[in-house]
Amino acid sequence: MKIAIISPNPNHLQDMRKVLEGRSHAVSLFEGGKSRMQWVVEKAAPELLLVDGMCCDPQELSLVEKLTLQHPSVAVVLLCAMQTPEFLIHAMRAGVREVLPSPADALALEAAVERIALKLAGTQARSPGQVVAFMPCKGGSGATFLATNIAHQLSRERSVLLIDLNLQFGDALSYVSDVRPTSTMADVSRDIGRLDASLLAASVVRVAPGFSILPAPEDLSRAMDVKAEHIDAILQVATTQYDFVLFDLGPRIDTLTIRVLDRADRIFPVLQPSLPHIRNVTRLMQVFKSLGYAPGKVELLVNRSAGGGEIGLSDMRRSLVGATLTIVPDGGKDVDASINRGIPLAEMSRGSTLARRLGEIAHTLSPRQEAAPGFIGRLFRRA
């Protein structure tokens, strides 16, 4: 593996070099502090960056987080003389793979590098991420709320990118964050010729450790910058970096929408129990059939189903023969509060019936695996 080491201590550099070169790694040494991280990555292009001499101040980690966002393919390990639980949590959230004592014990260093090498090998060999599309059957169906909140719950176990493809009036980011984006789908499309993992990572808004959003353009005129062929280029990169790529689509069929639907592994049309929604979804299902989509690819999300209305589930099943329907209960005031505050429902009202239901839908997309206790778990058991 190609490894770069930064340390203000020349003795630490030489000691780590001996250990790692003894394991047949290619090692580059750089004397200095954390401020050199960006320069070292650009100069040496390492697979693994070891940064020695970090202190326990979480504020220092802003430089690390910037680096991991711009260069997601580079694994970062920090070496610190002192470690607190707070610092370790912040380090993991900043994208750090491991935190080791400084100076590094030879056996601990070898073991950490071996773990990262195995993870990198697994990442290179892993299957492409799944593509999932959410599409409203009519304006106001709640598709954006469901897409963003299911994405948030899915990101607890998997890495998720949500792309807002409602290009003229998309506001998916505001449903789960109050951050103002510095880049949008239109900016990525403008630079599509140089799109790679680093550019994509620098263009998204990181909502949570495993959840990022590529927003729709804020300027309506920029929507024309996005072309159908850009979808393939973006997915070619995104599906190698994320376990799931979710699209929040607008309520219309056009070349961009069809390009996404063609590539999607799962399609979730969103409707409400009303006659206009049923009419629209019937037409939409006819379009899907003409496009040759397998029935198992499409699952209807019946949103805000409170029961007792004029149109019930049995009526919908009779009208939509053969369709797979998943009921999503009405969240009432909790939904309004979540949207108005820009906070995911599961963070604001974890015990609500709707939050649990969205968690179940996320689980069907990616069933959780029983995992061995990890680094953080062991940390808190000790603490």
Protein backbone atom coordinates (compact mmCIF):
# COMPACT_ATOMS: atom_id res chain seq x y z
CA MET A 1 0.00 0.00 0.00
CA LYS A 2 1.13 3.56 -0.72
CA ILE A 3 1.51 5.38 2.62
CA ALA A 4 2.42 8.98 3.49
CA ILE A 5 3.41 9.94 7.06
CA ILE A 6 3.41 13.45 8.53
CA SER A 7 5.06 14.10 11.89
CA PRO A 8 6.89 16.98 13.59
CA ASN A 9 9.17 14.37 15.19
CA PRO A 10 11.92 12.96 12.89
CA ASN A 11 12.44 9.96 15.17
CA HIS A 12 8.76 9.01 14.93
CA LEU A 13 8.98 9.22 11.13
CA GLN A 14 11.95 6.87 10.95
CA ASP A 15 10.48 4.40 13.44
CA MET A 16 7.23 4.14 11.48
CA ARG A 17 9.11 3.84 8.20
CA LYS A 18 11.03 0.80 9.49
CA VAL A 19 7.84 -0.91 10.64
CA LEU A 20 5.88 -0.30 7.44
CA GLU A 21 8.64 -0.87 4.91
CA GLY A 22 9.26 -4.15 6.70
CA ARG A 23 5.73 -5.09 5.61
CA SER A 24 6.51 -4.15 1.97
CA HIS A 25 4.55 -0.87 1.98
CA ALA A 26 5.74 2.13 -0.08
CA VAL A 27 6.34 4.89 2.48
CA SER A 28 6.88 8.64 2.02
CA LEU A 29 7.95 10.80 4.99
CA PHE A 30 7.08 14.46 5.52
CA GLU A 31 8.31 16.41 8.52
CA GLY A 32 5.81 18.95 9.80
CA GLY A 33 2.34 19.33 11.22
CA LYS A 34 -1.29 18.91 10.27
CA SER A 35 -1.28 22.04 8.09
CA ARG A 36 0.70 20.05 5.48
CA MET A 37 -1.99 17.38 5.01
CA GLN A 38 -3.55 18.83 1.86
CA TRP A 39 -0.18 19.45 0.21
CA VAL A 40 1.08 15.96 1.05
CA VAL A 41 -2.02 14.25 -0.38
CA GLU A 42 -1.78 16.25 -3.60
CA LYS A 43 1.96 15.60 -3.91
CA ALA A 44 2.21 11.95 -2.86
CA ALA A 45 -1.31 10.67 -3.75
CA PRO A 46 -1.26 8.10 -0.92
CA GLU A 47 -3.84 5.44 -0.20
CA LEU A 48 -3.20 5.93 3.52
CA LEU A 49 -2.20 9.12 5.34
CA LEU A 50 -0.76 8.87 8.88
CA VAL A 51 -0.82 12.18 10.76
CA ASP A 52 1.23 12.23 13.96
CA GLY A 53 1.07 14.89 16.65
CA MET A 54 -2.65 15.73 16.71
CA CYS A 55 -3.87 17.06 20.06
CA CYS A 56 -7.24 16.49 21.72
CA ASP A 57 -8.79 19.75 20.51
CA PRO A 58 -11.79 18.82 18.32
CA GLN A 59 -11.39 22.15 16.48
CA GLU A 60 -8.25 20.77 14.82
CA LEU A 61 -10.38 18.20 13.07
CA SER A 62 -11.90 20.74 10.67
CA LEU A 63 -8.77 20.40 8.52
CA VAL A 64 -9.11 16.63 8.58
CA GLU A 65 -12.78 16.72 7.63
CA LYS A 66 -12.08 19.05 4.72
CA LEU A 67 -9.41 16.63 3.51
CA THR A 68 -11.61 13.51 3.80
CA LEU A 69 -14.44 15.24 1.92
CA GLN A 70 -12.16 16.34 -0.91
CA HIS A 71 -10.24 13.03 -1.06
CA PRO A 72 -12.63 10.26 0.07
CA SER A 73 -10.40 7.55 -1.39
CA VAL A 74 -7.58 8.43 1.07
CA ALA A 75 -7.76 6.65 4.43
CA VAL A 76 -6.66 8.89 7.33
CA VAL A 77 -5.20 7.65 10.62
CA LEU A 78 -4.35 10.04 13.44
CA LEU A 79 -1.68 9.48 16.10
CA CYS A 80 -2.25 11.32 19.38
CA ALA A 81 -0.39 11.32 22.68
CA MET A 82 -3.70 11.71 24.55
CA GLN A 83 -7.17 10.56 23.54
CA THR A 84 -10.56 11.44 25.00
CA PRO A 85 -13.91 9.83 24.10
CA GLU A 86 -15.11 13.21 22.77
CA PHE A 87 -12.10 13.59 20.51
CA LEU A 88 -12.46 10.03 19.19
CA ILE A 89 -16.13 10.57 18.33
CA HIS A 90 -15.35 13.84 16.54
CA ALA A 91 -12.48 12.16 14.70
CA MET A 92 -14.72 9.39 13.36
CA ARG A 93 -17.32 11.95 12.28
CA ALA A 94 -14.57 13.82 10.43
CA GLY A 95 -13.87 10.70 8.38
CA VAL A 96 -10.85 9.35 10.28
CA ARG A 97 -10.44 5.56 10.00
CA GLU A 98 -8.52 4.98 13.25
CA VAL A 99 -6.83 6.86 16.10
CA LEU A 100 -3.61 5.42 17.53
CA PRO A 101 -1.34 6.45 20.44
CA SER A 102 1.72 8.53 19.72
CA PRO A 103 4.43 7.36 19.51
CA ALA A 104 2.99 4.37 17.68
CA ASP A 105 3.50 0.88 19.01
CA ALA A 106 4.87 -1.28 16.20
CA LEU A 107 2.30 -4.06 16.61
CA ALA A 108 -0.63 -1.65 16.88
CA LEU A 109 0.57 0.23 13.79
CA GLU A 110 0.95 -2.97 11.77
CA ALA A 111 -2.51 -4.17 12.82
CA ALA A 112 -4.19 -0.84 11.95
CA VAL A 113 -2.56 -0.67 8.52
CA GLU A 114 -3.53 -4.28 7.84
CA ARG A 115 -7.16 -3.56 8.73
CA ILE A 116 -7.25 -0.58 6.42
CA ALA A 117 -5.60 -2.51 3.60
CA LEU A 118 -8.31 -5.18 3.90
CA LYS A 119 -11.06 -2.54 3.89
CA LEU A 120 -9.60 -0.83 0.83
CA ALA A 121 -9.39 -4.15 -0.98
CA GLY A 122 -13.01 -4.84 -0.09
CA THR A 123 -14.08 -1.38 -1.29
CA GLN A 124 -12.39 -1.89 -4.63
CA ALA A 125 -14.08 -5.26 -5.07
CA ARG A 126 -17.52 -4.42 -3.70
CA SER A 127 -20.65 -4.32 -5.82
CA PRO A 128 -21.87 -0.94 -7.15
CA GLY A 129 -24.31 0.97 -4.98
CA GLN A 130 -28.04 0.53 -5.47
CA VAL A 131 -30.04 3.24 -7.25
CA VAL A 132 -33.47 4.12 -5.84
CA ALA A 133 -35.91 6.68 -7.28
CA PHE A 134 -38.75 8.48 -5.46
CA MET A 135 -41.32 10.08 -7.76
CA PRO A 136 -44.48 12.01 -6.83
CA CYS A 137 -47.63 11.03 -8.70
CA LYS A 138 -48.93 14.53 -8.10
CA GLY A 139 -47.60 17.72 -6.58
CA GLY A 140 -47.78 17.74 -2.78
CA SER A 141 -47.73 13.98 -2.43
CA GLY A 142 -44.89 14.13 0.13
CA ALA A 143 -42.26 12.39 -2.01
CA THR A 144 -39.45 14.70 -0.92
CA PHE A 145 -40.21 14.19 2.77
CA LEU A 146 -40.21 10.41 2.33
CA ALA A 147 -37.06 10.40 0.18
CA THR A 148 -35.02 12.53 2.58
CA ASN A 149 -36.18 10.81 5.75
CA ILE A 150 -35.84 7.27 4.41
CA ALA A 151 -32.35 8.27 3.20
CA HIS A 152 -31.52 9.54 6.68
CA GLN A 153 -32.62 6.32 8.34
CA LEU A 154 -30.85 4.22 5.70
CA SER A 155 -27.61 6.12 6.38
CA ARG A 156 -27.42 4.70 9.91
CA GLU A 157 -26.14 1.46 8.40
CA ARG A 158 -25.06 2.40 4.86
CA SER A 159 -23.51 5.33 2.99
CA VAL A 160 -26.19 7.29 1.13
CA LEU A 161 -26.19 10.05 -1.47
CA LEU A 162 -29.50 11.74 -2.30
CA ILE A 163 -29.62 13.66 -5.59
CA ASP A 164 -32.33 16.31 -5.90
CA LEU A 165 -33.45 16.10 -9.53
CA ASN A 166 -36.51 18.30 -9.13
CA LEU A 167 -34.33 20.86 -10.86
CA GLN A 168 -36.59 23.91 -10.90
CA PHE A 169 -38.27 23.70 -7.51
CA GLY A 170 -36.28 21.11 -5.58
CA ASP A 171 -35.69 21.79 -1.90
CA ALA A 172 -34.74 18.38 -0.53
CA LEU A 173 -31.77 19.76 1.41
CA SER A 174 -33.97 22.11 3.45
CA TYR A 175 -36.00 19.14 4.76
CA VAL A 176 -33.04 17.79 6.76
CA SER A 177 -30.51 20.63 7.07
CA ASP A 178 -30.21 24.41 7.30
CA VAL A 179 -26.82 24.44 5.53
CA ARG A 180 -26.59 26.62 2.43
CA PRO A 181 -24.97 24.64 -0.43
CA THR A 182 -21.82 25.88 -2.14
CA SER A 183 -22.36 23.59 -5.13
CA THR A 184 -25.40 22.04 -6.82
CA MET A 185 -26.38 19.54 -9.50
CA ALA A 186 -25.95 22.28 -12.10
CA ASP A 187 -22.35 22.96 -11.00
CA VAL A 188 -21.48 19.27 -11.23
CA SER A 189 -23.04 19.09 -14.70
CA ARG A 190 -21.05 22.11 -15.84
CA ASP A 191 -17.82 20.34 -14.81
CA ILE A 192 -18.94 16.89 -15.90
CA GLY A 193 -15.77 16.36 -17.97
CA ARG A 194 -13.58 16.36 -14.85
CA LEU A 195 -16.00 14.62 -12.51
CA ASP A 196 -14.33 12.15 -10.18
CA ALA A 197 -14.77 10.98 -6.60
CA SER A 198 -13.00 14.03 -5.18
CA LEU A 199 -15.10 16.54 -7.13
CA LEU A 200 -18.32 14.74 -6.22
CA ALA A 201 -17.37 14.66 -2.53
CA ALA A 202 -16.56 18.37 -2.60
CA SER A 203 -19.90 19.17 -4.29
CA VAL A 204 -22.29 17.45 -1.88
CA VAL A 205 -23.62 18.69 1.45
CA ARG A 206 -22.81 16.29 4.27
CA VAL A 207 -25.99 16.10 6.36
CA ALA A 208 -24.85 13.25 8.63
CA PRO A 209 -21.76 10.99 8.75
CA GLY A 210 -23.25 8.56 6.20
CA PHE A 211 -25.71 10.88 4.45
CA SER A 212 -24.94 13.47 1.77
CA ILE A 213 -27.15 15.47 -0.60
CA LEU A 214 -26.40 16.90 -4.04
CA PRO A 215 -28.91 19.77 -4.14
CA ALA A 216 -30.95 21.09 -7.04
CA PRO A 217 -29.78 24.49 -8.41
CA GLU A 218 -31.07 27.51 -6.53
CA ASP A 219 -31.17 29.56 -9.75
CA LEU A 220 -34.08 28.27 -11.87
CA SER A 221 -32.28 29.13 -15.09
CA ARG A 222 -29.46 26.74 -14.20
CA ALA A 223 -31.80 23.75 -14.50
CA MET A 224 -31.13 23.74 -18.25
CA ASP A 225 -27.44 22.96 -17.56
CA VAL A 226 -28.32 19.39 -16.55
CA LYS A 227 -28.56 16.92 -19.44
CA ALA A 228 -29.70 13.30 -19.55
CA GLU A 229 -26.20 12.09 -20.41
CA HIS A 230 -24.91 13.68 -17.19
CA ILE A 231 -26.94 11.17 -15.17
CA ASP A 232 -24.84 8.26 -16.42
CA ALA A 233 -21.57 10.07 -15.68
CA ILE A 234 -22.67 10.98 -12.15
CA LEU A 235 -23.93 7.47 -11.39
CA GLN A 236 -20.71 5.95 -12.70
CA VAL A 237 -18.84 7.78 -9.94
CA ALA A 238 -21.52 7.86 -7.24
CA THR A 239 -22.26 4.13 -7.24
CA THR A 240 -18.59 3.39 -6.52
CA GLN A 241 -18.57 5.76 -3.52
CA TYR A 242 -21.97 5.15 -1.90
CA ASP A 243 -23.96 2.05 -0.97
CA PHE A 244 -27.16 3.78 -2.07
CA VAL A 245 -27.84 6.62 -4.51
CA LEU A 246 -31.36 7.98 -4.07
CA PHE A 247 -33.09 10.38 -6.48
CA ASP A 248 -35.84 12.79 -5.54
CA LEU A 249 -37.60 13.32 -8.88
CA GLY A 250 -40.12 15.92 -10.00
CA PRO A 251 -43.72 15.09 -10.96
CA ARG A 252 -43.13 14.77 -14.68
CA ILE A 253 -41.77 12.35 -17.25
CA ASP A 254 -38.91 13.73 -19.35
CA THR A 255 -35.59 12.49 -20.69
CA LEU A 256 -33.82 13.10 -17.38
CA THR A 257 -36.44 11.24 -15.40
CA ILE A 258 -36.48 8.29 -17.79
CA ARG A 259 -32.67 8.06 -17.65
CA VAL A 260 -32.87 7.76 -13.85
CA LEU A 261 -35.77 5.30 -13.93
CA ASP A 262 -33.92 3.12 -16.43
CA ARG A 263 -30.92 2.94 -14.11
CA ALA A 264 -32.93 2.52 -10.90
CA ASP A 265 -33.00 -0.80 -9.05
CA ARG A 266 -36.14 0.29 -7.19
CA ILE A 267 -38.79 2.89 -8.03
CA PHE A 268 -41.12 4.34 -5.39
CA PRO A 269 -44.00 6.37 -6.85
CA VAL A 270 -45.61 8.33 -4.00
CA LEU A 271 -49.36 8.95 -3.91
CA GLN A 272 -52.11 9.78 -1.46
CA PRO A 273 -55.47 8.03 -1.07
CA SER A 274 -57.39 10.34 -3.41
CA LEU A 275 -58.90 9.97 -6.86
CA PRO A 276 -56.52 12.43 -8.63
CA HIS A 277 -53.50 10.52 -7.28
CA ILE A 278 -54.98 7.18 -8.35
CA ARG A 279 -55.62 8.50 -11.86
CA ASN A 280 -52.05 9.74 -12.16
CA VAL A 281 -50.43 6.60 -10.80
CA THR A 282 -52.51 4.48 -13.21
CA ARG A 283 -51.07 6.47 -16.11
CA LEU A 284 -47.61 6.25 -14.61
CA MET A 285 -47.82 2.46 -14.29
CA GLN A 286 -48.79 2.27 -17.96
CA VAL A 287 -45.65 4.26 -18.82
CA PHE A 288 -43.53 1.88 -16.72
CA LYS A 289 -45.06 -1.09 -18.52
CA SER A 290 -44.32 0.45 -21.93
CA LEU A 291 -40.71 1.02 -20.82
CA GLY A 292 -40.40 -2.67 -19.98
CA TYR A 293 -39.88 -2.31 -16.22
CA ALA A 294 -40.38 -5.50 -14.23
CA PRO A 295 -43.32 -5.32 -11.77
CA GLY A 296 -40.98 -6.08 -8.87
CA LYS A 297 -39.01 -2.91 -9.61
CA VAL A 298 -41.96 -0.65 -8.69
CA GLU A 299 -43.52 -0.26 -5.23
CA LEU A 300 -46.21 2.35 -4.53
CA LEU A 301 -45.91 4.35 -1.30
CA VAL A 302 -49.37 5.40 -0.15
CA ASN A 303 -48.59 8.45 1.96
CA ARG A 304 -50.63 10.08 4.74
CA SER A 305 -52.94 7.11 5.03
CA ALA A 306 -54.93 7.73 8.20
CA GLY A 307 -57.79 5.29 7.54
CA GLY A 308 -61.48 6.10 7.63
CA GLY A 309 -61.33 8.26 4.47
CA GLU A 310 -63.60 8.01 1.46
CA ILE A 311 -60.98 5.98 -0.41
CA GLY A 312 -59.57 3.08 1.58
CA LEU A 313 -56.80 0.57 0.95
CA SER A 314 -59.20 -2.00 -0.45
CA ASP A 315 -60.51 0.57 -2.95
CA MET A 316 -56.98 1.35 -4.03
CA ARG A 317 -56.12 -2.32 -4.48
CA ARG A 318 -59.16 -2.78 -6.72
CA SER A 319 -58.14 0.24 -8.79
CA LEU A 320 -54.46 -0.74 -8.97
CA VAL A 321 -54.66 -4.45 -9.62
CA GLY A 322 -51.29 -6.19 -9.37
CA ALA A 323 -49.45 -3.20 -7.89
CA THR A 324 -47.41 -3.50 -4.69
CA LEU A 325 -48.68 -0.99 -2.12
CA THR A 326 -46.85 0.08 1.03
CA ILE A 327 -48.82 2.14 3.52
CA VAL A 328 -47.17 5.17 5.14
CA PRO A 329 -49.18 6.60 8.08
CA ASP A 330 -49.99 10.27 8.52
CA GLY A 331 -47.38 11.96 10.70
CA GLY A 332 -49.52 14.98 11.52
CA LYS A 333 -47.85 17.89 13.29
CA ASP A 334 -44.56 16.00 13.65
CA VAL A 335 -44.06 16.15 9.88
CA ASP A 336 -44.78 19.88 9.75
CA ALA A 337 -42.35 20.54 12.59
CA SER A 338 -39.65 18.38 10.98
CA ILE A 339 -39.93 20.18 7.64
CA ASN A 340 -40.13 23.68 9.14
CA ARG A 341 -37.07 23.10 11.35
CA GLY A 342 -35.07 21.18 8.75
CA ILE A 343 -34.51 18.28 11.15
CA PRO A 344 -35.01 14.61 10.16
CA LEU A 345 -38.10 13.14 11.77
CA ALA A 346 -36.16 10.29 13.41
CA GLU A 347 -34.01 12.84 15.28
CA MET A 348 -36.92 15.00 16.37
CA SER A 349 -39.56 12.35 17.10
CA ARG A 350 -37.85 8.97 17.12
CA GLY A 351 -40.75 7.15 18.76
CA SER A 352 -43.46 8.33 16.36
CA THR A 353 -45.38 5.75 14.33
CA LEU A 354 -44.27 7.40 11.09
CA ALA A 355 -40.57 7.41 12.05
CA ARG A 356 -40.76 3.70 12.87
CA ARG A 357 -42.50 2.99 9.56
CA LEU A 358 -39.84 4.84 7.58
CA GLY A 359 -37.21 2.85 9.44
CA GLU A 360 -38.96 -0.35 8.35
CA ILE A 361 -38.93 0.78 4.72
CA ALA A 362 -35.22 1.59 4.99
CA HIS A 363 -34.67 -1.85 6.48
CA THR A 364 -36.34 -3.53 3.48
CA LEU A 365 -33.86 -1.75 1.21
CA SER A 366 -30.86 -2.79 3.29
CA PRO A 367 -31.47 -5.45 5.95
CA ARG A 368 -29.16 -4.89 8.89
CA GLN A 369 -26.39 -7.38 9.47
CA GLU A 370 -25.24 -8.45 12.90
CA ALA A 371 -21.81 -6.93 13.32
CA ALA A 372 -18.99 -7.62 15.72
CA PRO A 373 -18.43 -4.90 18.33
CA GLY A 374 -16.44 -2.13 16.68
CA PHE A 375 -13.90 0.40 17.81
CA ILE A 376 -16.45 2.89 19.17
CA GLY A 377 -18.31 0.18 21.07
CA ARG A 378 -15.12 -1.02 22.70
CA LEU A 379 -14.20 2.56 23.51
CA PHE A 380 -17.40 3.28 25.44
CA ARG A 381 -17.30 -0.03 27.28
CA ARG A 382 -13.88 1.02 28.55
CA ALA A 383 -15.05 4.58 29.25
